[in-house]
Every structure is written in C-alpha cells, then in structure tokens.
Amino acid sequence: KHERVERIVFAEISERDKEEYLQEKARLMFNQKRGLSGIGTGPSMLPTLPTSGNFIAQLITEDDWPKLQVNDIVSYVQRKADGNTNFAAKRITGVEGDIVEYKQDRKVKVSTGCVWVEGDNKAQSLDSREIGAVPFQNLRQRYVVSYNFGLLHFRWCGRLNDIPWLLRVLVGLERG
C-alpha cells in the first residue's frame, strides 16, 4: 500500500526533488541498518564539509573521551544564550590541557573534561572562540566520512584505523 502511494507521489515531483528524495531514503535506510548516518547543514565547515550533505560517524561514548585528537571532526550539542540547543559540527583544535591561540594573540588553556572546537570557515562559525570549550558530555559523534551524491562529494574525515570499523559497518557486522 505504501509503495503504491510512493509511486504516485514520486511521478508528480521534479527530477531534482526525486534525487533528493532518493538520497534521503537511502540515508534513512542506511541509518536504520547501521545506526550512524546523519545530515549536516551550514557553512561553518566549508570547504571540508559541504553546506548540505550526509555523513557517517562513530558515536562518542565516555570511553572515547581520552582518545579524541586534534583534527577530529565532531558533532556536539551547542547551548545557545537564549536557552535553546542545536547540533553543530566542528574540528577539534585543542584537547584538555592544550594551550590554544585564537583571536590574534589570545591564548587559553583547554579545561579538563573539554575540547576546543573551531569551524574550518572561521568567518562563518560560532565555535569555541565565542562559546568557550565544549564539555565531553556534549559530544555526540566523530565524523569518519562526509558525502553528498548530488554534488559528487566524498571526503574522508577519519583516521586510518577507522577503515576496518567502517568496512564492518558497511557490510552490517557492526553498528555505529
């Protein structure tokens, strides 16, 4: 029944909308089977990540906190001044104990239990330079792959030791 309704609606939409629909459906199916895909939007990580696209990421657990490294791209819960929250993705530029230089000669020591994150597109990024260090418990995922089939974009964001994990996830032997 749902398949029939899908066919009727599918016939009535533009080619671009069909492509976006198929990408979203593929992402959702992948996510349901593997538990690790998501969608990212926004210019703060250009040119590394497109303004819209998909990613494959490992969930971050408390056991992973000591393993986080400078240059990892992570998603985290960002608390805004108005009390609302949203998810953001940024690059780790400092881990606990590091001295990070920002804003022309300003330095800060990253607090214990936190990471310092910055967008690759500094001019359009709300990050640790404005909100301070991000506590470990706000971290959600570490990006491994970013892709957007419509833009023919594929970028490796992980580490070399992520390759076996990614292969196990893609063939269904492990969940993210």
N, C-alpha and C. Protein backbone atom coordinates (compact mmCIF):
# COMPACT_ATOMS: atom_id res chain seq x y z
N LYS A 1 0.82 -1.19 0.00
CA LYS A 1 0.00 0.00 0.00
C LYS A 1 0.87 1.27 0.00
N HIS A 2 1.87 1.32 0.89
CA HIS A 2 2.76 2.49 0.94
C HIS A 2 3.56 2.64 -0.35
N GLU A 3 3.96 1.52 -0.93
CA GLU A 3 4.73 1.55 -2.16
C GLU A 3 3.92 2.18 -3.29
N ARG A 4 2.64 1.85 -3.35
CA ARG A 4 1.76 2.41 -4.39
C ARG A 4 1.63 3.93 -4.22
N VAL A 5 1.42 4.37 -2.99
CA VAL A 5 1.30 5.81 -2.72
C VAL A 5 2.61 6.50 -3.07
N GLU A 6 3.73 5.88 -2.71
CA GLU A 6 5.03 6.44 -3.05
C GLU A 6 5.19 6.61 -4.55
N ARG A 7 4.76 5.63 -5.33
CA ARG A 7 4.89 5.69 -6.80
C ARG A 7 4.08 6.84 -7.37
N ILE A 8 2.88 7.03 -6.90
CA ILE A 8 2.01 8.10 -7.39
C ILE A 8 2.64 9.46 -7.08
N VAL A 9 3.06 9.67 -5.85
CA VAL A 9 3.67 10.94 -5.46
C VAL A 9 4.98 11.14 -6.21
N PHE A 10 5.77 10.10 -6.34
CA PHE A 10 7.06 10.17 -7.00
C PHE A 10 6.92 10.64 -8.45
N ALA A 11 5.88 10.21 -9.12
CA ALA A 11 5.66 10.58 -10.52
C ALA A 11 5.34 12.07 -10.67
N GLU A 12 4.88 12.72 -9.61
CA GLU A 12 4.44 14.10 -9.69
C GLU A 12 5.50 15.12 -9.27
N ILE A 13 6.69 14.70 -8.94
CA ILE A 13 7.69 15.66 -8.47
C ILE A 13 8.82 15.82 -9.50
N SER A 14 9.57 16.91 -9.35
CA SER A 14 10.64 17.22 -10.30
C SER A 14 11.80 16.23 -10.17
N GLU A 15 12.67 16.22 -11.18
CA GLU A 15 13.83 15.32 -11.16
C GLU A 15 14.75 15.62 -9.97
N ARG A 16 14.95 16.92 -9.68
CA ARG A 16 15.82 17.29 -8.55
C ARG A 16 15.22 16.81 -7.24
N ASP A 17 13.90 16.99 -7.08
CA ASP A 17 13.23 16.52 -5.86
C ASP A 17 13.30 15.00 -5.75
N LYS A 18 13.20 14.31 -6.89
CA LYS A 18 13.31 12.85 -6.88
C LYS A 18 14.69 12.44 -6.38
N GLU A 19 15.72 13.12 -6.89
CA GLU A 19 17.09 12.80 -6.48
C GLU A 19 17.27 13.02 -4.98
N GLU A 20 16.78 14.16 -4.47
CA GLU A 20 16.89 14.44 -3.05
C GLU A 20 16.11 13.42 -2.23
N TYR A 21 14.93 13.04 -2.70
CA TYR A 21 14.12 12.04 -2.02
C TYR A 21 14.85 10.70 -1.94
N LEU A 22 15.45 10.28 -3.06
CA LEU A 22 16.16 9.00 -3.08
C LEU A 22 17.38 9.04 -2.17
N GLN A 23 18.08 10.16 -2.14
CA GLN A 23 19.23 10.28 -1.24
C GLN A 23 18.79 10.18 0.21
N GLU A 24 17.72 10.87 0.54
CA GLU A 24 17.21 10.85 1.92
C GLU A 24 16.73 9.45 2.29
N LYS A 25 16.03 8.80 1.38
CA LYS A 25 15.55 7.44 1.65
C LYS A 25 16.72 6.49 1.85
N ALA A 26 17.75 6.60 1.00
CA ALA A 26 18.94 5.75 1.14
C ALA A 26 19.63 6.02 2.48
N ARG A 27 19.73 7.30 2.84
CA ARG A 27 20.35 7.65 4.12
C ARG A 27 19.57 7.06 5.29
N LEU A 28 18.25 7.18 5.25
CA LEU A 28 17.43 6.65 6.34
C LEU A 28 17.54 5.14 6.43
N MET A 29 17.54 4.46 5.28
CA MET A 29 17.69 3.00 5.28
C MET A 29 19.05 2.61 5.86
N PHE A 30 20.09 3.32 5.45
CA PHE A 30 21.43 3.05 5.96
C PHE A 30 21.45 3.29 7.47
N ASN A 31 20.86 4.40 7.89
CA ASN A 31 20.84 4.75 9.30
C ASN A 31 20.12 3.68 10.12
N GLN A 32 18.98 3.20 9.62
CA GLN A 32 18.22 2.19 10.35
C GLN A 32 19.02 0.90 10.48
N LYS A 33 19.76 0.54 9.43
CA LYS A 33 20.51 -0.72 9.46
C LYS A 33 21.81 -0.59 10.24
N ARG A 34 22.44 0.57 10.19
CA ARG A 34 23.76 0.72 10.79
C ARG A 34 23.79 1.66 11.99
N GLY A 35 22.81 2.54 12.10
CA GLY A 35 22.71 3.42 13.25
C GLY A 35 23.76 4.50 13.33
N LEU A 36 24.14 5.11 12.19
CA LEU A 36 25.20 6.10 12.30
C LEU A 36 25.23 7.19 11.26
N SER A 37 24.27 7.33 10.41
CA SER A 37 24.34 8.35 9.38
C SER A 37 23.53 9.57 9.81
N GLY A 38 23.90 10.73 9.32
CA GLY A 38 23.16 11.94 9.64
C GLY A 38 23.31 12.96 8.54
N ILE A 39 22.63 14.08 8.70
CA ILE A 39 22.68 15.16 7.71
C ILE A 39 23.28 16.39 8.38
N GLY A 40 24.16 17.06 7.69
CA GLY A 40 24.74 18.29 8.20
C GLY A 40 24.42 19.45 7.28
N THR A 41 24.24 20.63 7.86
CA THR A 41 24.00 21.81 7.04
C THR A 41 24.75 22.99 7.64
N GLY A 42 25.01 23.96 6.80
CA GLY A 42 25.64 25.19 7.27
C GLY A 42 27.03 25.38 6.70
N PRO A 43 27.48 26.64 6.69
CA PRO A 43 28.75 26.98 6.05
C PRO A 43 29.97 26.92 6.96
N SER A 44 29.82 26.61 8.24
CA SER A 44 30.94 26.75 9.18
C SER A 44 32.10 25.80 8.91
N MET A 45 31.87 24.69 8.23
CA MET A 45 32.95 23.74 7.98
C MET A 45 33.40 23.71 6.51
N LEU A 46 32.98 24.71 5.72
CA LEU A 46 33.48 24.80 4.35
C LEU A 46 34.97 25.06 4.36
N PRO A 47 35.76 24.53 3.48
CA PRO A 47 35.41 23.68 2.36
C PRO A 47 35.43 22.18 2.70
N THR A 48 35.76 21.82 3.94
CA THR A 48 35.88 20.41 4.32
C THR A 48 34.56 19.68 4.15
N LEU A 49 33.48 20.24 4.68
CA LEU A 49 32.16 19.64 4.58
C LEU A 49 31.27 20.56 3.74
N PRO A 50 30.46 20.00 2.85
CA PRO A 50 29.56 20.85 2.06
C PRO A 50 28.48 21.45 2.96
N THR A 51 27.81 22.50 2.48
CA THR A 51 26.77 23.14 3.30
C THR A 51 25.59 22.21 3.55
N SER A 52 25.40 21.24 2.70
CA SER A 52 24.40 20.21 2.97
C SER A 52 24.97 18.89 2.48
N GLY A 53 24.69 17.86 3.20
CA GLY A 53 25.20 16.56 2.82
C GLY A 53 24.99 15.57 3.93
N ASN A 54 25.56 14.42 3.77
CA ASN A 54 25.41 13.33 4.72
C ASN A 54 26.77 12.99 5.30
N PHE A 55 26.75 12.28 6.40
CA PHE A 55 28.00 11.84 6.98
C PHE A 55 27.81 10.49 7.65
N ILE A 56 28.92 9.79 7.81
CA ILE A 56 28.97 8.56 8.58
C ILE A 56 29.88 8.86 9.75
N ALA A 57 29.39 8.59 10.95
CA ALA A 57 30.15 8.96 12.14
C ALA A 57 30.05 7.89 13.21
N GLN A 58 31.08 7.83 14.04
CA GLN A 58 31.06 6.95 15.20
C GLN A 58 30.45 7.69 16.37
N LEU A 59 29.57 7.02 17.10
CA LEU A 59 29.03 7.61 18.31
C LEU A 59 30.16 7.74 19.33
N ILE A 60 30.18 8.83 20.07
CA ILE A 60 31.21 9.06 21.08
C ILE A 60 30.65 8.64 22.43
N THR A 61 31.35 7.73 23.09
CA THR A 61 30.98 7.30 24.44
C THR A 61 32.02 7.83 25.42
N GLU A 62 31.75 7.67 26.68
CA GLU A 62 32.67 8.12 27.72
C GLU A 62 34.04 7.46 27.55
N ASP A 63 34.06 6.21 27.08
CA ASP A 63 35.34 5.51 26.86
C ASP A 63 36.17 6.17 25.75
N ASP A 64 35.51 6.89 24.84
CA ASP A 64 36.21 7.53 23.72
C ASP A 64 36.83 8.87 24.08
N TRP A 65 36.41 9.49 25.17
CA TRP A 65 36.88 10.83 25.50
C TRP A 65 38.40 10.94 25.52
N PRO A 66 39.13 10.02 26.17
CA PRO A 66 40.59 10.17 26.17
C PRO A 66 41.24 9.95 24.80
N LYS A 67 40.51 9.35 23.86
CA LYS A 67 41.06 9.04 22.54
C LYS A 67 40.87 10.18 21.53
N LEU A 68 40.11 11.22 21.89
CA LEU A 68 39.87 12.32 20.96
C LEU A 68 41.18 13.03 20.65
N GLN A 69 41.32 13.47 19.40
CA GLN A 69 42.57 14.08 18.95
C GLN A 69 42.30 15.39 18.23
N VAL A 70 43.31 16.24 18.23
CA VAL A 70 43.26 17.45 17.41
C VAL A 70 43.06 17.01 15.96
N ASN A 71 42.22 17.71 15.24
CA ASN A 71 41.82 17.49 13.85
C ASN A 71 40.63 16.54 13.69
N ASP A 72 40.19 15.87 14.76
CA ASP A 72 38.94 15.11 14.66
C ASP A 72 37.80 16.09 14.41
N ILE A 73 36.85 15.69 13.57
CA ILE A 73 35.65 16.50 13.37
C ILE A 73 34.55 15.84 14.18
N VAL A 74 33.92 16.61 15.06
CA VAL A 74 32.92 16.07 15.98
C VAL A 74 31.62 16.85 15.88
N SER A 75 30.52 16.17 16.22
CA SER A 75 29.26 16.88 16.40
C SER A 75 28.99 16.95 17.89
N TYR A 76 28.31 18.00 18.30
CA TYR A 76 28.06 18.21 19.72
C TYR A 76 26.80 19.03 19.90
N VAL A 77 26.27 18.97 21.12
CA VAL A 77 25.11 19.79 21.48
C VAL A 77 25.65 21.17 21.84
N GLN A 78 25.13 22.18 21.15
CA GLN A 78 25.55 23.56 21.37
C GLN A 78 24.42 24.30 22.08
N ARG A 79 24.71 24.78 23.27
CA ARG A 79 23.71 25.51 24.04
C ARG A 79 23.81 27.00 23.70
N LYS A 80 22.68 27.57 23.29
CA LYS A 80 22.67 28.98 22.90
C LYS A 80 22.32 29.86 24.09
N ALA A 81 22.60 31.15 23.97
CA ALA A 81 22.33 32.10 25.05
C ALA A 81 20.84 32.18 25.39
N ASP A 82 19.97 31.94 24.39
CA ASP A 82 18.52 32.02 24.63
C ASP A 82 17.95 30.76 25.28
N GLY A 83 18.82 29.80 25.61
CA GLY A 83 18.37 28.57 26.26
C GLY A 83 18.09 27.42 25.31
N ASN A 84 17.99 27.71 24.01
CA ASN A 84 17.76 26.64 23.02
C ASN A 84 19.06 25.89 22.74
N THR A 85 18.91 24.72 22.17
CA THR A 85 20.08 23.93 21.79
C THR A 85 19.98 23.53 20.33
N ASN A 86 21.11 23.26 19.73
CA ASN A 86 21.15 22.68 18.40
C ASN A 86 22.42 21.85 18.29
N PHE A 87 22.54 21.09 17.21
CA PHE A 87 23.74 20.30 16.99
C PHE A 87 24.65 21.07 16.06
N ALA A 88 25.94 21.00 16.33
CA ALA A 88 26.94 21.65 15.48
C ALA A 88 28.05 20.66 15.20
N ALA A 89 28.76 20.88 14.11
CA ALA A 89 29.92 20.05 13.77
C ALA A 89 31.12 20.97 13.58
N LYS A 90 32.20 20.66 14.26
CA LYS A 90 33.41 21.47 14.19
C LYS A 90 34.63 20.57 14.32
N ARG A 91 35.80 21.14 14.04
CA ARG A 91 37.07 20.43 14.15
C ARG A 91 37.66 20.70 15.53
N ILE A 92 38.18 19.64 16.17
CA ILE A 92 38.87 19.82 17.45
C ILE A 92 40.23 20.46 17.16
N THR A 93 40.48 21.61 17.81
CA THR A 93 41.77 22.28 17.66
C THR A 93 42.57 22.25 18.96
N GLY A 94 41.96 21.71 20.02
CA GLY A 94 42.68 21.55 21.29
C GLY A 94 41.95 20.57 22.18
N VAL A 95 42.71 19.73 22.87
CA VAL A 95 42.15 18.79 23.85
C VAL A 95 42.56 19.25 25.25
N GLU A 96 41.98 18.63 26.27
CA GLU A 96 42.23 19.10 27.64
C GLU A 96 43.72 19.23 27.92
N GLY A 97 44.06 20.40 28.50
CA GLY A 97 45.44 20.69 28.84
C GLY A 97 46.20 21.45 27.77
N ASP A 98 45.72 21.46 26.52
CA ASP A 98 46.39 22.19 25.44
C ASP A 98 46.24 23.70 25.63
N ILE A 99 47.22 24.44 25.15
CA ILE A 99 47.13 25.90 25.06
C ILE A 99 46.75 26.22 23.62
N VAL A 100 45.62 26.89 23.44
CA VAL A 100 45.11 27.21 22.10
C VAL A 100 45.20 28.72 21.88
N GLU A 101 45.76 29.11 20.74
CA GLU A 101 45.84 30.53 20.40
C GLU A 101 44.68 30.86 19.46
N TYR A 102 43.98 31.95 19.74
CA TYR A 102 42.87 32.39 18.90
C TYR A 102 42.73 33.90 19.00
N LYS A 103 41.99 34.48 18.10
CA LYS A 103 41.73 35.93 18.08
C LYS A 103 43.00 36.76 18.25
N GLN A 104 43.96 36.57 17.39
CA GLN A 104 45.20 37.37 17.36
C GLN A 104 45.84 37.52 18.74
N ASP A 105 46.65 36.59 19.07
CA ASP A 105 47.46 36.62 20.28
C ASP A 105 46.71 36.32 21.58
N ARG A 106 45.47 35.91 21.52
CA ARG A 106 44.78 35.48 22.74
C ARG A 106 45.01 33.98 22.89
N LYS A 107 45.30 33.57 24.10
CA LYS A 107 45.54 32.15 24.37
C LYS A 107 44.65 31.69 25.51
N VAL A 108 44.31 30.41 25.47
CA VAL A 108 43.50 29.82 26.54
C VAL A 108 43.97 28.39 26.74
N LYS A 109 43.93 27.94 27.99
CA LYS A 109 44.23 26.55 28.29
C LYS A 109 42.91 25.79 28.32
N VAL A 110 42.83 24.70 27.55
CA VAL A 110 41.60 23.92 27.48
C VAL A 110 41.40 23.19 28.81
N SER A 111 40.23 23.42 29.41
CA SER A 111 39.92 22.84 30.72
C SER A 111 39.86 21.33 30.69
N THR A 112 40.06 20.72 31.83
CA THR A 112 39.92 19.27 31.97
C THR A 112 38.48 18.89 31.64
N GLY A 113 38.32 17.81 30.88
CA GLY A 113 36.98 17.35 30.52
C GLY A 113 36.35 18.10 29.36
N CYS A 114 37.18 18.84 28.60
CA CYS A 114 36.65 19.65 27.50
C CYS A 114 37.55 19.54 26.26
N VAL A 115 37.00 19.97 25.13
CA VAL A 115 37.77 20.14 23.89
C VAL A 115 37.50 21.55 23.37
N TRP A 116 38.45 22.06 22.60
CA TRP A 116 38.30 23.36 21.93
C TRP A 116 37.98 23.05 20.48
N VAL A 117 36.88 23.61 19.96
CA VAL A 117 36.46 23.33 18.59
C VAL A 117 36.35 24.62 17.80
N GLU A 118 36.71 24.54 16.52
CA GLU A 118 36.58 25.69 15.62
C GLU A 118 36.14 25.19 14.26
N GLY A 119 35.33 26.00 13.58
CA GLY A 119 34.94 25.69 12.22
C GLY A 119 36.08 25.99 11.27
N ASP A 120 36.14 25.25 10.17
CA ASP A 120 37.18 25.50 9.17
C ASP A 120 36.96 26.84 8.48
N ASN A 121 35.70 27.26 8.37
CA ASN A 121 35.35 28.55 7.77
C ASN A 121 35.17 29.54 8.92
N LYS A 122 36.28 30.05 9.42
CA LYS A 122 36.28 30.84 10.66
C LYS A 122 35.36 32.06 10.61
N ALA A 123 35.21 32.66 9.42
CA ALA A 123 34.38 33.86 9.30
C ALA A 123 32.90 33.56 9.52
N GLN A 124 32.48 32.31 9.34
CA GLN A 124 31.06 31.97 9.47
C GLN A 124 30.83 30.84 10.47
N SER A 125 31.58 30.86 11.56
CA SER A 125 31.49 29.77 12.51
C SER A 125 31.30 30.29 13.93
N LEU A 126 30.26 29.81 14.59
CA LEU A 126 30.06 30.04 16.01
C LEU A 126 30.68 28.84 16.71
N ASP A 127 31.81 29.06 17.37
CA ASP A 127 32.57 27.94 17.93
C ASP A 127 33.19 28.34 19.25
N SER A 128 34.21 27.61 19.68
CA SER A 128 34.82 27.84 20.99
C SER A 128 35.39 29.24 21.15
N ARG A 129 35.71 29.90 20.05
CA ARG A 129 36.21 31.27 20.15
C ARG A 129 35.15 32.20 20.74
N GLU A 130 33.88 31.82 20.61
CA GLU A 130 32.78 32.62 21.14
C GLU A 130 32.10 31.96 22.35
N ILE A 131 31.96 30.64 22.30
CA ILE A 131 31.19 29.94 23.35
C ILE A 131 32.06 29.23 24.38
N GLY A 132 33.38 29.21 24.17
CA GLY A 132 34.27 28.53 25.09
C GLY A 132 34.42 27.06 24.76
N ALA A 133 35.15 26.38 25.61
CA ALA A 133 35.43 24.95 25.40
C ALA A 133 34.13 24.15 25.53
N VAL A 134 34.08 23.03 24.81
CA VAL A 134 32.90 22.16 24.81
C VAL A 134 33.15 20.98 25.76
N PRO A 135 32.27 20.78 26.74
CA PRO A 135 32.44 19.64 27.66
C PRO A 135 32.28 18.31 26.93
N PHE A 136 33.06 17.31 27.37
CA PHE A 136 32.99 15.98 26.76
C PHE A 136 31.55 15.47 26.68
N GLN A 137 30.76 15.69 27.72
CA GLN A 137 29.41 15.11 27.74
C GLN A 137 28.49 15.71 26.68
N ASN A 138 28.88 16.82 26.06
CA ASN A 138 28.08 17.40 24.97
C ASN A 138 28.43 16.80 23.61
N LEU A 139 29.54 16.06 23.53
CA LEU A 139 29.97 15.46 22.27
C LEU A 139 29.08 14.28 21.92
N ARG A 140 28.73 14.15 20.63
CA ARG A 140 27.84 13.09 20.19
C ARG A 140 28.48 12.12 19.20
N GLN A 141 29.19 12.65 18.18
CA GLN A 141 29.72 11.79 17.12
C GLN A 141 31.06 12.32 16.63
N ARG A 142 31.86 11.40 16.09
CA ARG A 142 33.11 11.77 15.42
C ARG A 142 32.97 11.37 13.96
N TYR A 143 33.09 12.37 13.08
CA TYR A 143 32.90 12.13 11.65
C TYR A 143 33.99 11.23 11.08
N VAL A 144 33.59 10.33 10.20
CA VAL A 144 34.53 9.46 9.50
C VAL A 144 34.49 9.75 8.00
N VAL A 145 33.27 9.92 7.45
CA VAL A 145 33.10 10.18 6.01
C VAL A 145 32.01 11.23 5.84
N SER A 146 32.23 12.14 4.91
CA SER A 146 31.21 13.11 4.51
C SER A 146 30.92 12.86 3.03
N TYR A 147 29.62 12.85 2.67
CA TYR A 147 29.31 12.61 1.26
C TYR A 147 28.01 13.32 0.88
N ASN A 148 27.91 13.65 -0.40
CA ASN A 148 26.71 14.20 -1.00
C ASN A 148 26.72 13.74 -2.45
N PHE A 149 25.89 12.74 -2.77
CA PHE A 149 25.92 12.16 -4.11
C PHE A 149 25.51 13.18 -5.18
N GLY A 150 24.59 14.08 -4.84
CA GLY A 150 24.16 15.09 -5.81
C GLY A 150 25.28 16.03 -6.21
N LEU A 151 26.18 16.34 -5.28
CA LEU A 151 27.31 17.22 -5.55
C LEU A 151 28.57 16.44 -5.92
N LEU A 152 28.45 15.11 -6.00
CA LEU A 152 29.60 14.24 -6.26
C LEU A 152 30.71 14.51 -5.26
N HIS A 153 30.32 14.66 -3.99
CA HIS A 153 31.26 14.97 -2.91
C HIS A 153 31.47 13.72 -2.07
N PHE A 154 32.72 13.38 -1.81
CA PHE A 154 33.07 12.32 -0.89
C PHE A 154 34.38 12.73 -0.23
N ARG A 155 34.40 12.81 1.09
CA ARG A 155 35.62 13.22 1.78
C ARG A 155 35.83 12.35 3.01
N TRP A 156 37.02 11.80 3.12
CA TRP A 156 37.42 11.04 4.30
C TRP A 156 37.73 12.03 5.40
N CYS A 157 37.11 11.87 6.58
CA CYS A 157 37.34 12.77 7.71
C CYS A 157 37.96 12.04 8.89
N GLY A 158 38.11 10.74 8.76
CA GLY A 158 38.55 9.94 9.90
C GLY A 158 40.04 9.71 9.96
N ARG A 159 40.38 8.69 10.71
CA ARG A 159 41.76 8.27 10.88
C ARG A 159 41.97 6.97 10.11
N LEU A 160 43.20 6.60 9.87
CA LEU A 160 43.49 5.35 9.16
C LEU A 160 42.92 4.14 9.90
N ASN A 161 42.96 4.15 11.23
CA ASN A 161 42.45 3.00 11.97
C ASN A 161 40.92 2.93 11.97
N ASP A 162 40.24 3.89 11.33
CA ASP A 162 38.77 3.83 11.19
C ASP A 162 38.36 2.93 10.02
N ILE A 163 39.28 2.62 9.12
CA ILE A 163 38.92 1.87 7.91
C ILE A 163 38.33 0.50 8.24
N PRO A 164 38.95 -0.31 9.10
CA PRO A 164 38.32 -1.61 9.41
C PRO A 164 36.94 -1.46 10.03
N TRP A 165 36.77 -0.49 10.93
CA TRP A 165 35.45 -0.25 11.54
C TRP A 165 34.43 0.11 10.47
N LEU A 166 34.79 1.03 9.57
CA LEU A 166 33.86 1.46 8.53
C LEU A 166 33.46 0.29 7.64
N LEU A 167 34.42 -0.55 7.27
CA LEU A 167 34.10 -1.72 6.44
C LEU A 167 33.14 -2.67 7.18
N ARG A 168 33.37 -2.89 8.47
CA ARG A 168 32.46 -3.76 9.26
C ARG A 168 31.05 -3.17 9.31
N VAL A 169 30.97 -1.84 9.44
CA VAL A 169 29.67 -1.19 9.49
C VAL A 169 28.96 -1.29 8.14
N LEU A 170 29.69 -1.03 7.07
CA LEU A 170 29.08 -1.04 5.74
C LEU A 170 28.56 -2.42 5.34
N VAL A 171 29.21 -3.48 5.80
CA VAL A 171 28.72 -4.83 5.48
C VAL A 171 27.76 -5.37 6.53
N GLY A 172 27.48 -4.57 7.56
CA GLY A 172 26.46 -4.94 8.55
C GLY A 172 26.95 -5.79 9.70
N LEU A 173 28.26 -5.89 9.91
CA LEU A 173 28.77 -6.68 11.01
C LEU A 173 28.83 -5.92 12.32
N GLU A 174 28.70 -4.59 12.25
CA GLU A 174 28.79 -3.75 13.43
C GLU A 174 27.90 -2.53 13.24
N ARG A 175 27.44 -1.97 14.35
CA ARG A 175 26.66 -0.72 14.33
C ARG A 175 27.52 0.41 14.85
N GLY A 176 27.22 1.62 14.37
CA GLY A 176 27.96 2.80 14.81
C GLY A 176 27.61 3.19 16.21
